[in-house]
Every structure is written in structure tokens, then in C-alpha cells.
Amino acid sequence: MRLSSMADYAVVVMAAAARHCGGARVSAVQLAEETGVPGPTVQKLVSRLASAGLLRSSRGVGGGLKLARPAAAITVADIVEAVEGPIALTACCDTGRHDCTLESACTVRPHWPLVNEAVRGALAGVPLTRLVEMPTAAPLEHSTSEYAA
């Protein structure tokens, strides 16, 4: 399972915006420069993220972008869903989709919502604040007996 590049970029852009959460507003151009995400892509993401209530945009002098709520109250699930829609690992979970050749005999379909909720729960357990922290390096583990002469 992989996120789309747009969902990935949305997480990167939101993490960059969160680093400015001390009250300062940031522009989409700044976010593009800081992240390396192309400007037009940042503009598209900012629009979706603002529509989802994750970013607040204001125009004019002193305008720019700001998180709509504290970074601790925004999760990776929120960001992914803002860009991709509800988290669903299979197309058959989408309402109104009936294009699977196995649908009439599938015994797993009723269980996909449970799997989807588990994945969503895992992503919801990662607040944006965790993505802004500097990671701590884990010590390398190696066995000296493996290399003993």
C-alpha cells in the first residue's frame, strides 16, 4: 500500500506549515521553496487542505496560510482524507461501486470496513506534531560474533 504522491506532498506541506505555527503566516511560495514541492502543486494542495478545514488562508498585507487548528489536533489521517477522500484499501468499499467480478460471491467484502478503520486508526494516531519533531537516531544493532575472525 502506498500513498499517492499528492497525499505524500500534502503531509510534507502540512508539516512545513506546522513549523511556522508560532502565529506567523506563511505563503504557498514559501512552502514550495521549503519543501521542494512544485508551486502549482502546493497551490492545489492548499486549496484542498483549506476546504477540509486544515489550513486557514487570508489575503492582503499580513495574509498567508496558517494551520486552522493546533498541529496536535491534526493527524495524518486528516491530511490523507483531505486529499484522497475516505481511506479505503479496496474500490468495492466505495458506495455505489459494483464493478468487481467477484462481488456476488465475495465473503471478504463485508470485512473491508474493519480493515479500513484499522488503517485509518493507525494514521489517526500520528499527530502532525510528530512529523515536525526531529527524529532521534536509533542505535545501530549489530552482532560482533557474526564478524569474529
Foldseek 3Di string as FASTA:
>chain_A
DDADVLLVVLLQLLLVLLVVQPPQADALVRSCVVRVPDSVSSVVLVVLCVVLQQWDFDDDVSTHIHGSDHQQQAWSLSSSCSPPNQQFPDPVVDPPDDPDPCVVPDPCVVVRVVVSVVVSVVRRVGGSVNVNDDDDDDDDDDDVVVVDD
